[in-house]
PDB file of N, CA and C in Angstrom:
ATOM      1  N   UNK A   1       3.024   6.537  12.081  1.00  0.00           N
ATOM      2  CA  UNK A   1       3.005   5.763  10.856  1.00  0.00           C
ATOM      3  C   UNK A   1       1.554   5.578  10.383  1.00  0.00           C
ATOM      4  N   UNK A   2       1.415   5.311   9.099  1.00  0.00           N
ATOM      5  CA  UNK A   2       0.098   5.163   8.484  1.00  0.00           C
ATOM      6  C   UNK A   2       0.033   3.843   7.726  1.00  0.00           C
ATOM      7  N   UNK A   3      -1.171   3.369   7.486  1.00  0.00           N
ATOM      8  CA  UNK A   3      -1.364   2.094   6.791  1.00  0.00           C
ATOM      9  C   UNK A   3      -1.787   2.312   5.341  1.00  0.00           C
ATOM     10  N   UNK A   4      -1.224   1.510   4.455  1.00  0.00           N
ATOM     11  CA  UNK A   4      -1.581   1.561   3.039  1.00  0.00           C
ATOM     12  C   UNK A   4      -2.986   0.992   2.843  1.00  0.00           C
ATOM     13  N   UNK A   5      -3.802   1.717   2.123  1.00  0.00           N
ATOM     14  CA  UNK A   5      -5.176   1.284   1.845  1.00  0.00           C
ATOM     15  C   UNK A   5      -5.236   0.118   0.867  1.00  0.00           C
ATOM     16  N   UNK A   6      -4.133  -0.166   0.182  1.00  0.00           N
ATOM     17  CA  UNK A   6      -4.111  -1.220  -0.827  1.00  0.00           C
ATOM     18  C   UNK A   6      -3.602  -2.534  -0.240  1.00  0.00           C
ATOM     19  N   UNK A   7      -2.398  -2.513   0.307  1.00  0.00           N
ATOM     20  CA  UNK A   7      -1.753  -3.750   0.747  1.00  0.00           C
ATOM     21  C   UNK A   7      -1.703  -3.922   2.266  1.00  0.00           C
ATOM     22  N   UNK A   8      -2.061  -2.879   3.007  1.00  0.00           N
ATOM     23  CA  UNK A   8      -2.047  -2.969   4.464  1.00  0.00           C
ATOM     24  C   UNK A   8      -0.691  -2.722   5.091  1.00  0.00           C
ATOM     25  N   UNK A   9       0.299  -2.305   4.303  1.00  0.00           N
ATOM     26  CA  UNK A   9       1.613  -2.014   4.867  1.00  0.00           C
ATOM     27  C   UNK A   9       1.441  -0.965   5.962  1.00  0.00           C
ATOM     28  N   UNK A  10       1.880  -1.268   7.200  1.00  0.00           N
ATOM     29  CA  UNK A  10       1.580  -0.389   8.333  1.00  0.00           C
ATOM     30  C   UNK A  10       2.596   0.702   8.630  1.00  0.00           C
ATOM     31  N   UNK A  11       3.588   0.907   7.771  1.00  0.00           N
ATOM     32  CA  UNK A  11       4.651   1.844   8.106  1.00  0.00           C
ATOM     33  C   UNK A  11       4.837   2.980   7.097  1.00  0.00           C
ATOM     34  N   UNK A  12       3.739   3.447   6.489  1.00  0.00           N
ATOM     35  CA  UNK A  12       3.848   4.602   5.593  1.00  0.00           C
ATOM     36  C   UNK A  12       4.237   5.826   6.411  1.00  0.00           C
ATOM     37  N   UNK A  13       5.146   6.625   5.893  1.00  0.00           N
ATOM     38  CA  UNK A  13       5.572   7.818   6.611  1.00  0.00           C
ATOM     39  C   UNK A  13       4.573   8.956   6.480  1.00  0.00           C
ATOM     40  N   UNK A  14       3.764   8.947   5.421  1.00  0.00           N
ATOM     41  CA  UNK A  14       2.725   9.960   5.207  1.00  0.00           C
ATOM     42  C   UNK A  14       1.396   9.247   5.022  1.00  0.00           C
ATOM     43  N   UNK A  15       0.300   9.894   5.379  1.00  0.00           N
ATOM     44  CA  UNK A  15      -0.995   9.279   5.106  1.00  0.00           C
ATOM     45  C   UNK A  15      -1.274   9.297   3.601  1.00  0.00           C
ATOM     46  N   UNK A  16      -2.043   8.336   3.098  1.00  0.00           N
ATOM     47  CA  UNK A  16      -2.403   8.358   1.681  1.00  0.00           C
ATOM     48  C   UNK A  16      -3.211   9.616   1.311  1.00  0.00           C
ATOM     49  N   UNK A  17      -4.001  10.099   2.249  1.00  0.00           N
ATOM     50  CA  UNK A  17      -4.846  11.283   2.039  1.00  0.00           C
ATOM     51  C   UNK A  17      -4.722  12.197   3.246  1.00  0.00           C
ATOM     52  N   UNK A  18      -4.796  13.502   3.023  1.00  0.00           N
ATOM     53  CA  UNK A  18      -4.710  14.438   4.137  1.00  0.00           C
ATOM     54  C   UNK A  18      -6.065  14.566   4.831  1.00  0.00           C
ATOM     55  N   UNK A  19      -6.147  15.423   5.807  1.00  0.00           N
ATOM     56  CA  UNK A  19      -7.372  15.571   6.605  1.00  0.00           C
ATOM     57  C   UNK A  19      -8.548  16.133   5.806  1.00  0.00           C
ATOM     58  N   UNK A  20      -8.279  16.653   4.620  1.00  0.00           N
ATOM     59  CA  UNK A  20      -9.337  17.178   3.753  1.00  0.00           C
ATOM     60  C   UNK A  20      -9.747  16.175   2.684  1.00  0.00           C
ATOM     61  N   UNK A  21      -9.112  14.988   2.708  1.00  0.00           N
ATOM     62  CA  UNK A  21      -9.426  13.959   1.723  1.00  0.00           C
ATOM     63  C   UNK A  21      -8.662  14.080   0.423  1.00  0.00           C
ATOM     64  N   UNK A  22      -7.666  14.970   0.403  1.00  0.00           N
ATOM     65  CA  UNK A  22      -6.848  15.148  -0.804  1.00  0.00           C
ATOM     66  C   UNK A  22      -5.678  14.175  -0.782  1.00  0.00           C
ATOM     67  N   UNK A  23      -5.394  13.579  -1.921  1.00  0.00           N
ATOM     68  CA  UNK A  23      -4.280  12.646  -2.029  1.00  0.00           C
ATOM     69  C   UNK A  23      -2.963  13.346  -1.747  1.00  0.00           C
ATOM     70  N   UNK A  24      -2.068  12.659  -1.073  1.00  0.00           N
ATOM     71  CA  UNK A  24      -0.754  13.208  -0.750  1.00  0.00           C
ATOM     72  C   UNK A  24       0.301  12.829  -1.787  1.00  0.00           C
ATOM     73  N   UNK A  25      -0.061  11.976  -2.726  1.00  0.00           N
ATOM     74  CA  UNK A  25       0.855  11.475  -3.753  1.00  0.00           C
ATOM     75  C   UNK A  25       2.036  10.738  -3.140  1.00  0.00           C
ATOM     76  N   UNK A  26       1.822  10.216  -1.914  1.00  0.00           N
ATOM     77  CA  UNK A  26       2.840   9.369  -1.301  1.00  0.00           C
ATOM     78  C   UNK A  26       2.815   8.014  -2.007  1.00  0.00           C
ATOM     79  N   UNK A  27       3.948   7.323  -1.963  1.00  0.00           N
ATOM     80  CA  UNK A  27       4.085   6.030  -2.621  1.00  0.00           C
ATOM     81  C   UNK A  27       4.339   4.967  -1.563  1.00  0.00           C
ATOM     82  N   UNK A  28       3.570   3.901  -1.616  1.00  0.00           N
ATOM     83  CA  UNK A  28       3.779   2.788  -0.703  1.00  0.00           C
ATOM     84  C   UNK A  28       4.983   1.979  -1.186  1.00  0.00           C
ATOM     85  N   UNK A  29       5.996   1.792  -0.325  1.00  0.00           N
ATOM     86  CA  UNK A  29       7.160   1.026  -0.756  1.00  0.00           C
ATOM     87  C   UNK A  29       6.852  -0.454  -0.946  1.00  0.00           C
ATOM     88  N   UNK A  30       5.783  -0.912  -0.351  1.00  0.00           N
ATOM     89  CA  UNK A  30       5.419  -2.320  -0.443  1.00  0.00           C
ATOM     90  C   UNK A  30       4.747  -2.654  -1.769  1.00  0.00           C
ATOM     91  N   UNK A  31       3.604  -2.039  -2.049  1.00  0.00           N
ATOM     92  CA  UNK A  31       2.857  -2.379  -3.266  1.00  0.00           C
ATOM     93  C   UNK A  31       3.129  -1.418  -4.422  1.00  0.00           C
ATOM     94  N   UNK A  32       3.755  -0.278  -4.132  1.00  0.00           N
ATOM     95  CA  UNK A  32       4.110   0.680  -5.174  1.00  0.00           C
ATOM     96  C   UNK A  32       3.009   1.641  -5.570  1.00  0.00           C
ATOM     97  N   UNK A  33       1.880   1.610  -4.895  1.00  0.00           N
ATOM     98  CA  UNK A  33       0.776   2.508  -5.223  1.00  0.00           C
ATOM     99  C   UNK A  33       1.138   3.953  -4.906  1.00  0.00           C
ATOM    100  N   UNK A  34       0.910   4.843  -5.856  1.00  0.00           N
ATOM    101  CA  UNK A  34       1.044   6.276  -5.622  1.00  0.00           C
ATOM    102  C   UNK A  34      -0.367   6.827  -5.476  1.00  0.00           C
ATOM    103  N   UNK A  35      -0.685   7.251  -4.264  1.00  0.00           N
ATOM    104  CA  UNK A  35      -2.034   7.738  -3.977  1.00  0.00           C
ATOM    105  C   UNK A  35      -2.274   9.076  -4.655  1.00  0.00           C
ATOM    106  N   UNK A  36      -3.361   9.150  -5.381  1.00  0.00           N
ATOM    107  CA  UNK A  36      -3.697  10.331  -6.158  1.00  0.00           C
ATOM    108  C   UNK A  36      -3.374  10.137  -7.623  1.00  0.00           C
ATOM    109  N   UNK A  37      -2.551   9.141  -7.923  1.00  0.00           N
ATOM    110  CA  UNK A  37      -2.216   8.835  -9.311  1.00  0.00           C
ATOM    111  C   UNK A  37      -2.763   7.453  -9.685  1.00  0.00           C
ATOM    112  N   UNK A  38      -2.235   6.415  -9.040  1.00  0.00           N
ATOM    113  CA  UNK A  38      -2.670   5.052  -9.370  1.00  0.00           C
ATOM    114  C   UNK A  38      -4.141   4.814  -9.045  1.00  0.00           C
ATOM    115  N   UNK A  39      -4.628   5.459  -7.997  1.00  0.00           N
ATOM    116  CA  UNK A  39      -6.024   5.234  -7.600  1.00  0.00           C
ATOM    117  C   UNK A  39      -6.971   6.308  -8.135  1.00  0.00           C
ATOM    118  N   UNK A  40      -6.492   7.129  -9.056  1.00  0.00           N
ATOM    119  CA  UNK A  40      -7.350   8.168  -9.638  1.00  0.00           C
ATOM    120  C   UNK A  40      -8.463   7.552 -10.496  1.00  0.00           C
ATOM    121  N   UNK A  41      -8.136   6.492 -11.219  1.00  0.00           N
ATOM    122  CA  UNK A  41      -9.118   5.862 -12.106  1.00  0.00           C
ATOM    123  C   UNK A  41      -9.276   4.370 -11.854  1.00  0.00           C
ATOM    124  N   UNK A  42      -8.620   3.864 -10.827  1.00  0.00           N
ATOM    125  CA  UNK A  42      -8.692   2.444 -10.495  1.00  0.00           C
ATOM    126  C   UNK A  42      -9.031   2.316  -9.016  1.00  0.00           C
ATOM    127  N   UNK A  43      -9.988   1.476  -8.696  1.00  0.00           N
ATOM    128  CA  UNK A  43     -10.422   1.321  -7.301  1.00  0.00           C
ATOM    129  C   UNK A  43      -9.329   0.673  -6.459  1.00  0.00           C
ATOM    130  N   UNK A  44      -9.414   0.884  -5.164  1.00  0.00           N
ATOM    131  CA  UNK A  44      -8.463   0.262  -4.253  1.00  0.00           C
ATOM    132  C   UNK A  44      -8.579  -1.253  -4.322  1.00  0.00           C
ATOM    133  N   UNK A  45      -9.795  -1.765  -4.463  1.00  0.00           N
ATOM    134  CA  UNK A  45      -9.992  -3.212  -4.576  1.00  0.00           C
ATOM    135  C   UNK A  45      -9.291  -3.763  -5.811  1.00  0.00           C
ATOM    136  N   UNK A  46      -9.382  -3.063  -6.919  1.00  0.00           N
ATOM    137  CA  UNK A  46      -8.736  -3.515  -8.155  1.00  0.00           C
ATOM    138  C   UNK A  46      -7.215  -3.426  -8.035  1.00  0.00           C
ATOM    139  N   UNK A  47      -6.707  -2.382  -7.392  1.00  0.00           N
ATOM    140  CA  UNK A  47      -5.266  -2.264  -7.188  1.00  0.00           C
ATOM    141  C   UNK A  47      -4.767  -3.378  -6.286  1.00  0.00           C
ATOM    142  N   UNK A  48      -5.530  -3.708  -5.267  1.00  0.00           N
ATOM    143  CA  UNK A  48      -5.158  -4.808  -4.371  1.00  0.00           C
ATOM    144  C   UNK A  48      -5.157  -6.124  -5.138  1.00  0.00           C
ATOM    145  N   UNK A  49      -6.182  -6.369  -5.929  1.00  0.00           N
ATOM    146  CA  UNK A  49      -6.243  -7.603  -6.716  1.00  0.00           C
ATOM    147  C   UNK A  49      -5.047  -7.712  -7.648  1.00  0.00           C
ATOM    148  N   UNK A  50      -4.658  -6.618  -8.253  1.00  0.00           N
ATOM    149  CA  UNK A  50      -3.507  -6.603  -9.166  1.00  0.00           C
ATOM    150  C   UNK A  50      -2.222  -6.949  -8.413  1.00  0.00           C
ATOM    151  N   UNK A  51      -2.045  -6.354  -7.228  1.00  0.00           N
ATOM    152  CA  UNK A  51      -0.854  -6.620  -6.423  1.00  0.00           C
ATOM    153  C   UNK A  51      -0.792  -8.094  -6.032  1.00  0.00           C
ATOM    154  N   UNK A  52      -1.912  -8.636  -5.599  1.00  0.00           N
ATOM    155  CA  UNK A  52      -1.972 -10.055  -5.221  1.00  0.00           C
ATOM    156  C   UNK A  52      -1.701 -10.941  -6.439  1.00  0.00           C
ATOM    157  N   UNK A  53      -2.345 -10.636  -7.566  1.00  0.00           N
ATOM    158  CA  UNK A  53      -2.168 -11.429  -8.782  1.00  0.00           C
ATOM    159  C   UNK A  53      -0.722 -11.415  -9.276  1.00  0.00           C
ATOM    160  N   UNK A  54       0.003 -10.330  -8.989  1.00  0.00           N
ATOM    161  CA  UNK A  54       1.402 -10.225  -9.405  1.00  0.00           C
ATOM    162  C   UNK A  54       2.369 -10.799  -8.372  1.00  0.00           C
ATOM    163  N   UNK A  55       1.846 -11.530  -7.400  1.00  0.00           N
ATOM    164  CA  UNK A  55       2.699 -12.229  -6.447  1.00  0.00           C
ATOM    165  C   UNK A  55       3.036 -11.493  -5.172  1.00  0.00           C
ATOM    166  N   UNK A  56       2.371 -10.388  -4.896  1.00  0.00           N
ATOM    167  CA  UNK A  56       2.573  -9.608  -3.669  1.00  0.00           C
ATOM    168  C   UNK A  56       4.059  -9.314  -3.443  1.00  0.00           C
ATOM    169  N   UNK A  57       4.741  -8.928  -4.499  1.00  0.00           N
ATOM    170  CA  UNK A  57       6.173  -8.616  -4.406  1.00  0.00           C
ATOM    171  C   UNK A  57       6.400  -7.242  -3.794  1.00  0.00           C
ATOM    172  N   UNK A  58       7.526  -7.112  -3.115  1.00  0.00           N
ATOM    173  CA  UNK A  58       7.948  -5.826  -2.566  1.00  0.00           C
ATOM    174  C   UNK A  58       8.298  -4.919  -3.727  1.00  0.00           C
ATOM    175  N   UNK A  59       7.823  -3.689  -3.720  1.00  0.00           N
ATOM    176  CA  UNK A  59       7.963  -2.798  -4.864  1.00  0.00           C
ATOM    177  C   UNK A  59       9.224  -1.932  -4.851  1.00  0.00           C
ATOM    178  N   UNK A  60       9.590  -1.408  -3.710  1.00  0.00           N
ATOM    179  CA  UNK A  60      10.665  -0.421  -3.639  1.00  0.00           C
ATOM    180  C   UNK A  60      12.048  -1.032  -3.829  1.00  0.00           C
ATOM    181  N   UNK A  61      12.833  -0.382  -4.670  1.00  0.00           N
ATOM    182  CA  UNK A  61      14.228  -0.786  -4.846  1.00  0.00           C
ATOM    183  C   UNK A  61      15.121  -0.082  -3.826  1.00  0.00           C
ATOM    184  N   UNK A  62      14.644   1.030  -3.255  1.00  0.00           N
ATOM    185  CA  UNK A  62      15.467   1.808  -2.328  1.00  0.00           C
ATOM    186  C   UNK A  62      15.138   1.569  -0.859  1.00  0.00           C
ATOM    187  N   UNK A  63      13.983   1.013  -0.577  1.00  0.00           N
ATOM    188  CA  UNK A  63      13.577   0.710   0.794  1.00  0.00           C
ATOM    189  C   UNK A  63      13.412  -0.793   0.921  1.00  0.00           C
ATOM    190  N   UNK A  64      14.146  -1.382   1.828  1.00  0.00           N
ATOM    191  CA  UNK A  64      14.064  -2.833   2.026  1.00  0.00           C
ATOM    192  C   UNK A  64      12.812  -3.179   2.832  1.00  0.00           C
ATOM    193  N   UNK A  65      12.257  -4.369   2.604  1.00  0.00           N
ATOM    194  CA  UNK A  65      11.114  -4.783   3.415  1.00  0.00           C
ATOM    195  C   UNK A  65      11.551  -4.991   4.869  1.00  0.00           C
ATOM    196  N   UNK A  66      10.627  -4.856   5.800  1.00  0.00           N
ATOM    197  CA  UNK A  66      10.972  -5.086   7.203  1.00  0.00           C
ATOM    198  C   UNK A  66      11.432  -6.534   7.410  1.00  0.00           C
ATOM    199  N   UNK A  67      12.258  -6.742   8.421  1.00  0.00           N
ATOM    200  CA  UNK A  67      12.710  -8.090   8.746  1.00  0.00           C
ATOM    201  C   UNK A  67      11.506  -8.988   8.998  1.00  0.00           C
ATOM    202  N   UNK A  68      11.511 -10.153   8.406  1.00  0.00           N
ATOM    203  CA  UNK A  68      10.422 -11.107   8.604  1.00  0.00           C
ATOM    204  C   UNK A  68       9.143 -10.754   7.865  1.00  0.00           C
ATOM    205  N   UNK A  69       9.223  -9.855   6.909  1.00  0.00           N
ATOM    206  CA  UNK A  69       8.034  -9.410   6.181  1.00  0.00           C
ATOM    207  C   UNK A  69       7.325 -10.570   5.508  1.00  0.00           C
ATOM    208  N   UNK A  70       6.040 -10.684   5.759  1.00  0.00           N
ATOM    209  CA  UNK A  70       5.199 -11.713   5.161  1.00  0.00           C
ATOM    210  C   UNK A  70       3.974 -11.027   4.558  1.00  0.00           C
ATOM    211  N   UNK A  71       3.936 -10.853   3.232  1.00  0.00           N
ATOM    212  CA  UNK A  71       2.837 -10.109   2.616  1.00  0.00           C
ATOM    213  C   UNK A  71       1.459 -10.716   2.869  1.00  0.00           C
ATOM    214  N   UNK A  72       1.358 -12.034   2.912  1.00  0.00           N
ATOM    215  CA  UNK A  72       0.049 -12.657   3.164  1.00  0.00           C
ATOM    216  C   UNK A  72      -0.451 -12.316   4.547  1.00  0.00           C
ATOM    217  N   UNK A  73       0.433 -12.371   5.527  1.00  0.00           N
ATOM    218  CA  UNK A  73       0.051 -12.022   6.903  1.00  0.00           C
ATOM    219  C   UNK A  73      -0.323 -10.539   7.007  1.00  0.00           C
ATOM    220  N   UNK A  74       0.464  -9.692   6.349  1.00  0.00           N
ATOM    221  CA  UNK A  74       0.188  -8.256   6.335  1.00  0.00           C
ATOM    222  C   UNK A  74      -1.202  -7.978   5.802  1.00  0.00           C
ATOM    223  N   UNK A  75      -1.541  -8.617   4.707  1.00  0.00           N
ATOM    224  CA  UNK A  75      -2.849  -8.423   4.078  1.00  0.00           C
ATOM    225  C   UNK A  75      -3.960  -8.939   4.984  1.00  0.00           C
ATOM    226  N   UNK A  76      -3.731 -10.075   5.621  1.00  0.00           N
ATOM    227  CA  UNK A  76      -4.721 -10.635   6.537  1.00  0.00           C
ATOM    228  C   UNK A  76      -4.956  -9.694   7.719  1.00  0.00           C
ATOM    229  N   UNK A  77      -3.869  -9.133   8.269  1.00  0.00           N
ATOM    230  CA  UNK A  77      -3.991  -8.199   9.405  1.00  0.00           C
ATOM    231  C   UNK A  77      -4.745  -6.941   8.978  1.00  0.00           C
ATOM    232  N   UNK A  78      -4.514  -6.465   7.777  1.00  0.00           N
ATOM    233  CA  UNK A  78      -5.201  -5.278   7.280  1.00  0.00           C
ATOM    234  C   UNK A  78      -6.691  -5.549   7.116  1.00  0.00           C
ATOM    235  N   UNK A  79      -7.039  -6.728   6.655  1.00  0.00           N
ATOM    236  CA  UNK A  79      -8.442  -7.090   6.473  1.00  0.00           C
ATOM    237  C   UNK A  79      -9.175  -7.214   7.806  1.00  0.00           C
ATOM    238  N   UNK A  80      -8.435  -7.529   8.873  1.00  0.00           N
ATOM    239  CA  UNK A  80      -9.052  -7.680  10.182  1.00  0.00           C
ATOM    240  C   UNK A  80      -9.189  -6.362  10.930  1.00  0.00           C
ATOM    241  N   UNK A  81      -8.490  -5.350  10.474  1.00  0.00           N
ATOM    242  CA  UNK A  81      -8.515  -4.046  11.159  1.00  0.00           C
ATOM    243  C   UNK A  81      -9.834  -3.324  10.924  1.00  0.00           C
TER     244      UNK A  81
END
């Protein structure tokens, strides 16, 4: 599993970028960021601020959040990594 560079979601099935630094265009089910598209002209810090400002809501309609999911804790754990 891989971690989202925006929200810290630790269960991405694909890395946001491959070993050559190219975006994989994977989408984080938590914050909804599509790597290579959403971050093409917007910094990761700005995308994170936007997600937080919008209430840190779960983005995916097809993937449920993990049991006990706490976005504030997730973000805190990502910042400590």
